[in-house]
Amino acid sequence: MEEYKHQSESIEKIKPSGIIAGGPGIGKTTFVENYSDQLVVLDLDSNPYRKYPAWPDNYLNVIENEITGNNLVLISSYPEIVKELVSRGYEVTVVCAGESLEDEYRERYVARGNRPEMVERLIESAFASNDEQIQRFDGAKVIFLKAGQYLTDILDL
């Protein structure tokens, strides 16, 4: 498998295809709402699958089934999911907020209507140093968004 360089200084444009994992607030849902007429894309939220004892296998199975019928599948950024997909031979790109963007993302979460306790849980689970994020998603291509950037800013449309 190709060894990926992790992008932290400059953002390269990536093709909107395959599997892209991203945390809350990076713009997955907005991307689907604005570009689903241009390509076949699915925003596969993990919440409905996490409620069942079959987690994470149920989510992995749906991802594998959906990738064949879609140009792009957007998934939640759970390290165990990403690592398993990589071990199965899939190329996964993980899009993370840069480590210094906690305040910006806190504002994004509040603006989209998350309750204060949920905002802090999201911040706690989504933020770590860039080095820690790279380790969490070992084997995947990891791209860090800069201030003010969203998923649409890094996709080559």
C-alpha atoms as a PDB file:
ATOM      1  CA  MET A   1       0.000   0.000   0.000  1.00  0.00           C
ATOM      2  CA  GLU A   2       1.182   3.487  -0.826  1.00  0.00           C
ATOM      3  CA  GLU A   3       2.684   5.415   2.076  1.00  0.00           C
ATOM      4  CA  TYR A   4       0.858   8.720   2.428  1.00  0.00           C
ATOM      5  CA  LYS A   5       2.363  12.015   3.386  1.00  0.00           C
ATOM      6  CA  HIS A   6       0.207  13.902   5.804  1.00  0.00           C
ATOM      7  CA  GLN A   7      -0.766  17.390   4.832  1.00  0.00           C
ATOM      8  CA  SER A   8      -0.427  20.005   7.521  1.00  0.00           C
ATOM      9  CA  GLU A   9       1.074  23.102   5.918  1.00  0.00           C
ATOM     10  CA  SER A  10      -0.558  23.284   2.509  1.00  0.00           C
ATOM     11  CA  ILE A  11      -3.848  21.794   1.512  1.00  0.00           C
ATOM     12  CA  GLU A  12      -3.845  19.714  -1.630  1.00  0.00           C
ATOM     13  CA  LYS A  13      -7.032  19.210  -3.586  1.00  0.00           C
ATOM     14  CA  ILE A  14      -8.328  15.655  -3.455  1.00  0.00           C
ATOM     15  CA  LYS A  15     -10.671  13.842  -5.793  1.00  0.00           C
ATOM     16  CA  PRO A  16     -14.225  13.457  -4.509  1.00  0.00           C
ATOM     17  CA  SER A  17     -14.195   9.678  -4.706  1.00  0.00           C
ATOM     18  CA  GLY A  18     -13.784   6.660  -2.466  1.00  0.00           C
ATOM     19  CA  ILE A  19     -14.119   6.973   1.279  1.00  0.00           C
ATOM     20  CA  ILE A  20     -13.587  10.184   3.180  1.00  0.00           C
ATOM     21  CA  ALA A  21     -13.834  10.104   6.971  1.00  0.00           C
ATOM     22  CA  GLY A  22     -14.390  13.322   8.829  1.00  0.00           C
ATOM     23  CA  GLY A  23     -15.319  14.578  12.232  1.00  0.00           C
ATOM     24  CA  PRO A  24     -18.296  16.761  13.042  1.00  0.00           C
ATOM     25  CA  GLY A  25     -18.310  20.254  11.625  1.00  0.00           C
ATOM     26  CA  ILE A  26     -16.039  19.712   8.614  1.00  0.00           C
ATOM     27  CA  GLY A  27     -18.955  20.109   6.182  1.00  0.00           C
ATOM     28  CA  LYS A  28     -19.931  16.577   5.152  1.00  0.00           C
ATOM     29  CA  THR A  29     -23.680  17.168   5.259  1.00  0.00           C
ATOM     30  CA  THR A  30     -23.420  20.572   3.590  1.00  0.00           C
ATOM     31  CA  PHE A  31     -21.307  19.042   0.823  1.00  0.00           C
ATOM     32  CA  VAL A  32     -23.963  16.394   0.147  1.00  0.00           C
ATOM     33  CA  GLU A  33     -26.730  19.007   0.135  1.00  0.00           C
ATOM     34  CA  ASN A  34     -24.866  21.184  -2.381  1.00  0.00           C
ATOM     35  CA  TYR A  35     -23.154  18.658  -4.666  1.00  0.00           C
ATOM     36  CA  SER A  36     -25.269  15.499  -4.785  1.00  0.00           C
ATOM     37  CA  ASP A  37     -26.563  16.603  -8.197  1.00  0.00           C
ATOM     38  CA  GLN A  38     -22.988  16.517  -9.552  1.00  0.00           C
ATOM     39  CA  LEU A  39     -21.855  13.134  -8.241  1.00  0.00           C
ATOM     40  CA  VAL A  40     -23.231  10.127  -6.435  1.00  0.00           C
ATOM     41  CA  VAL A  41     -22.377  10.790  -2.798  1.00  0.00           C
ATOM     42  CA  LEU A  42     -23.643   9.358   0.472  1.00  0.00           C
ATOM     43  CA  ASP A  43     -23.235  10.876   3.935  1.00  0.00           C
ATOM     44  CA  LEU A  44     -23.260   7.746   6.091  1.00  0.00           C
ATOM     45  CA  ASP A  45     -23.757   8.959   9.651  1.00  0.00           C
ATOM     46  CA  SER A  46     -22.697   6.377  12.228  1.00  0.00           C
ATOM     47  CA  ASN A  47     -25.304   7.264  14.879  1.00  0.00           C
ATOM     48  CA  PRO A  48     -28.006   4.805  13.736  1.00  0.00           C
ATOM     49  CA  TYR A  49     -25.470   1.958  13.719  1.00  0.00           C
ATOM     50  CA  ARG A  50     -23.824   2.658  17.075  1.00  0.00           C
ATOM     51  CA  LYS A  51     -27.071   1.865  18.906  1.00  0.00           C
ATOM     52  CA  TYR A  52     -26.830  -1.844  18.147  1.00  0.00           C
ATOM     53  CA  PRO A  53     -24.651  -4.622  19.555  1.00  0.00           C
ATOM     54  CA  ALA A  54     -23.384  -5.397  16.046  1.00  0.00           C
ATOM     55  CA  TRP A  55     -21.362  -2.136  16.081  1.00  0.00           C
ATOM     56  CA  PRO A  56     -18.905  -1.642  14.379  1.00  0.00           C
ATOM     57  CA  ASP A  57     -19.438  -4.555  11.980  1.00  0.00           C
ATOM     58  CA  ASN A  58     -22.874  -3.282  10.947  1.00  0.00           C
ATOM     59  CA  TYR A  59     -21.406   0.108   9.975  1.00  0.00           C
ATOM     60  CA  LEU A  60     -18.452  -1.477   8.152  1.00  0.00           C
ATOM     61  CA  ASN A  61     -20.794  -3.726   6.168  1.00  0.00           C
ATOM     62  CA  VAL A  62     -22.927  -0.800   5.064  1.00  0.00           C
ATOM     63  CA  ILE A  63     -19.842   1.202   4.046  1.00  0.00           C
ATOM     64  CA  GLU A  64     -18.574  -1.710   1.942  1.00  0.00           C
ATOM     65  CA  ASN A  65     -21.979  -2.216   0.324  1.00  0.00           C
ATOM     66  CA  GLU A  66     -22.422   1.481  -0.447  1.00  0.00           C
ATOM     67  CA  ILE A  67     -18.964   2.213  -1.852  1.00  0.00           C
ATOM     68  CA  THR A  68     -19.725   0.188  -4.972  1.00  0.00           C
ATOM     69  CA  GLY A  69     -22.772   2.313  -5.886  1.00  0.00           C
ATOM     70  CA  ASN A  70     -21.417   5.723  -4.967  1.00  0.00           C
ATOM     71  CA  ASN A  71     -18.554   7.852  -6.219  1.00  0.00           C
ATOM     72  CA  LEU A  72     -17.981   9.039  -2.670  1.00  0.00           C
ATOM     73  CA  VAL A  73     -18.987   7.788   0.758  1.00  0.00           C
ATOM     74  CA  LEU A  74     -18.552  10.189   3.663  1.00  0.00           C
ATOM     75  CA  ILE A  75     -18.213   8.460   7.014  1.00  0.00           C
ATOM     76  CA  SER A  76     -17.648   9.340  10.653  1.00  0.00           C
ATOM     77  CA  SER A  77     -14.031   9.421  11.746  1.00  0.00           C
ATOM     78  CA  TYR A  78     -13.744   6.541  14.187  1.00  0.00           C
ATOM     79  CA  PRO A  79     -10.164   5.267  14.243  1.00  0.00           C
ATOM     80  CA  GLU A  80     -11.269   1.626  14.555  1.00  0.00           C
ATOM     81  CA  ILE A  81     -13.490   1.963  11.479  1.00  0.00           C
ATOM     82  CA  VAL A  82     -10.788   3.685   9.420  1.00  0.00           C
ATOM     83  CA  LYS A  83      -8.120   1.160  10.426  1.00  0.00           C
ATOM     84  CA  GLU A  84     -10.385  -1.773   9.588  1.00  0.00           C
ATOM     85  CA  LEU A  85     -11.248  -0.332   6.176  1.00  0.00           C
ATOM     86  CA  VAL A  86      -7.541   0.207   5.462  1.00  0.00           C
ATOM     87  CA  SER A  87      -6.799  -3.381   6.526  1.00  0.00           C
ATOM     88  CA  ARG A  88      -9.474  -4.535   4.048  1.00  0.00           C
ATOM     89  CA  GLY A  89      -7.658  -2.732   1.244  1.00  0.00           C
ATOM     90  CA  TYR A  90      -9.662   0.475   0.987  1.00  0.00           C
ATOM     91  CA  GLU A  91      -7.991   3.836   0.599  1.00  0.00           C
ATOM     92  CA  VAL A  92      -9.434   6.185   3.192  1.00  0.00           C
ATOM     93  CA  THR A  93      -8.812   9.899   3.457  1.00  0.00           C
ATOM     94  CA  VAL A  94      -9.402  11.389   6.893  1.00  0.00           C
ATOM     95  CA  VAL A  95     -10.163  15.109   7.052  1.00  0.00           C
ATOM     96  CA  CYS A  96      -9.514  16.658  10.465  1.00  0.00           C
ATOM     97  CA  ALA A  97      -9.679  20.139  11.881  1.00  0.00           C
ATOM     98  CA  GLY A  98      -6.223  21.490  12.563  1.00  0.00           C
ATOM     99  CA  GLU A  99      -5.171  21.216  16.196  1.00  0.00           C
ATOM    100  CA  SER A 100      -5.455  24.960  16.861  1.00  0.00           C
ATOM    101  CA  LEU A 101      -9.084  25.266  15.743  1.00  0.00           C
ATOM    102  CA  GLU A 102     -11.000  24.238  18.860  1.00  0.00           C
ATOM    103  CA  ASP A 103     -12.616  27.660  19.308  1.00  0.00           C
ATOM    104  CA  GLU A 104     -13.710  27.831  15.675  1.00  0.00           C
ATOM    105  CA  TYR A 105     -15.261  24.370  15.862  1.00  0.00           C
ATOM    106  CA  ARG A 106     -16.914  25.139  19.173  1.00  0.00           C
ATOM    107  CA  GLU A 107     -18.630  28.068  17.386  1.00  0.00           C
ATOM    108  CA  ARG A 108     -19.600  25.790  14.475  1.00  0.00           C
ATOM    109  CA  TYR A 109     -21.185  23.273  16.847  1.00  0.00           C
ATOM    110  CA  VAL A 110     -23.122  25.971  18.683  1.00  0.00           C
ATOM    111  CA  ALA A 111     -24.261  27.541  15.385  1.00  0.00           C
ATOM    112  CA  ARG A 112     -25.684  24.236  14.189  1.00  0.00           C
ATOM    113  CA  GLY A 113     -27.715  23.903  17.363  1.00  0.00           C
ATOM    114  CA  ASN A 114     -25.774  21.444  19.512  1.00  0.00           C
ATOM    115  CA  ARG A 115     -26.479  21.676  23.245  1.00  0.00           C
ATOM    116  CA  PRO A 116     -23.554  22.929  25.381  1.00  0.00           C
ATOM    117  CA  GLU A 117     -22.828  19.496  26.880  1.00  0.00           C
ATOM    118  CA  MET A 118     -22.784  17.971  23.387  1.00  0.00           C
ATOM    119  CA  VAL A 119     -20.475  20.732  22.140  1.00  0.00           C
ATOM    120  CA  GLU A 120     -17.905  19.879  24.795  1.00  0.00           C
ATOM    121  CA  ARG A 121     -18.184  16.143  24.078  1.00  0.00           C
ATOM    122  CA  LEU A 122     -17.613  16.815  20.391  1.00  0.00           C
ATOM    123  CA  ILE A 123     -14.588  18.998  21.131  1.00  0.00           C
ATOM    124  CA  GLU A 124     -13.165  16.381  23.484  1.00  0.00           C
ATOM    125  CA  SER A 125     -13.533  13.548  20.992  1.00  0.00           C
ATOM    126  CA  ALA A 126     -12.541  15.422  17.821  1.00  0.00           C
ATOM    127  CA  PHE A 127      -9.476  17.335  18.932  1.00  0.00           C
ATOM    128  CA  ALA A 128      -5.966  16.116  19.511  1.00  0.00           C
ATOM    129  CA  SER A 129      -2.577  17.226  18.277  1.00  0.00           C
ATOM    130  CA  ASN A 130      -1.926  16.708  14.589  1.00  0.00           C
ATOM    131  CA  ASP A 131       0.659  14.042  15.475  1.00  0.00           C
ATOM    132  CA  GLU A 132      -1.893  12.188  17.612  1.00  0.00           C
ATOM    133  CA  GLN A 133      -4.440  12.333  14.782  1.00  0.00           C
ATOM    134  CA  ILE A 134      -1.910  10.857  12.360  1.00  0.00           C
ATOM    135  CA  GLN A 135      -1.246   8.018  14.826  1.00  0.00           C
ATOM    136  CA  ARG A 136      -4.983   7.445  15.411  1.00  0.00           C
ATOM    137  CA  PHE A 137      -5.542   6.972  11.681  1.00  0.00           C
ATOM    138  CA  ASP A 138      -2.391   5.070  10.830  1.00  0.00           C
ATOM    139  CA  GLY A 139      -2.496   3.827   7.239  1.00  0.00           C
ATOM    140  CA  ALA A 140      -4.939   6.455   6.018  1.00  0.00           C
ATOM    141  CA  LYS A 141      -4.208   9.732   4.309  1.00  0.00           C
ATOM    142  CA  VAL A 142      -4.801  12.486   6.884  1.00  0.00           C
ATOM    143  CA  ILE A 143      -5.502  16.073   5.837  1.00  0.00           C
ATOM    144  CA  PHE A 144      -5.829  18.938   8.302  1.00  0.00           C
ATOM    145  CA  LEU A 145      -8.185  21.791   7.542  1.00  0.00           C
ATOM    146  CA  LYS A 146      -7.016  25.307   8.221  1.00  0.00           C
ATOM    147  CA  ALA A 147      -9.039  28.092   9.811  1.00  0.00           C
ATOM    148  CA  GLY A 148     -12.221  28.814   7.885  1.00  0.00           C
ATOM    149  CA  GLN A 149     -11.920  25.760   5.651  1.00  0.00           C
ATOM    150  CA  TYR A 150     -14.529  23.111   5.020  1.00  0.00           C
ATOM    151  CA  LEU A 151     -14.565  19.868   3.067  1.00  0.00           C
ATOM    152  CA  THR A 152     -15.611  21.689  -0.119  1.00  0.00           C
ATOM    153  CA  ASP A 153     -12.408  23.747   0.050  1.00  0.00           C
ATOM    154  CA  ILE A 154     -10.216  20.693  -0.412  1.00  0.00           C
ATOM    155  CA  LEU A 155     -12.249  18.719  -2.932  1.00  0.00           C
ATOM    156  CA  ASP A 156     -11.266  19.034  -6.590  1.00  0.00           C
ATOM    157  CA  LEU A 157     -14.663  19.642  -8.113  1.00  0.00           C
END
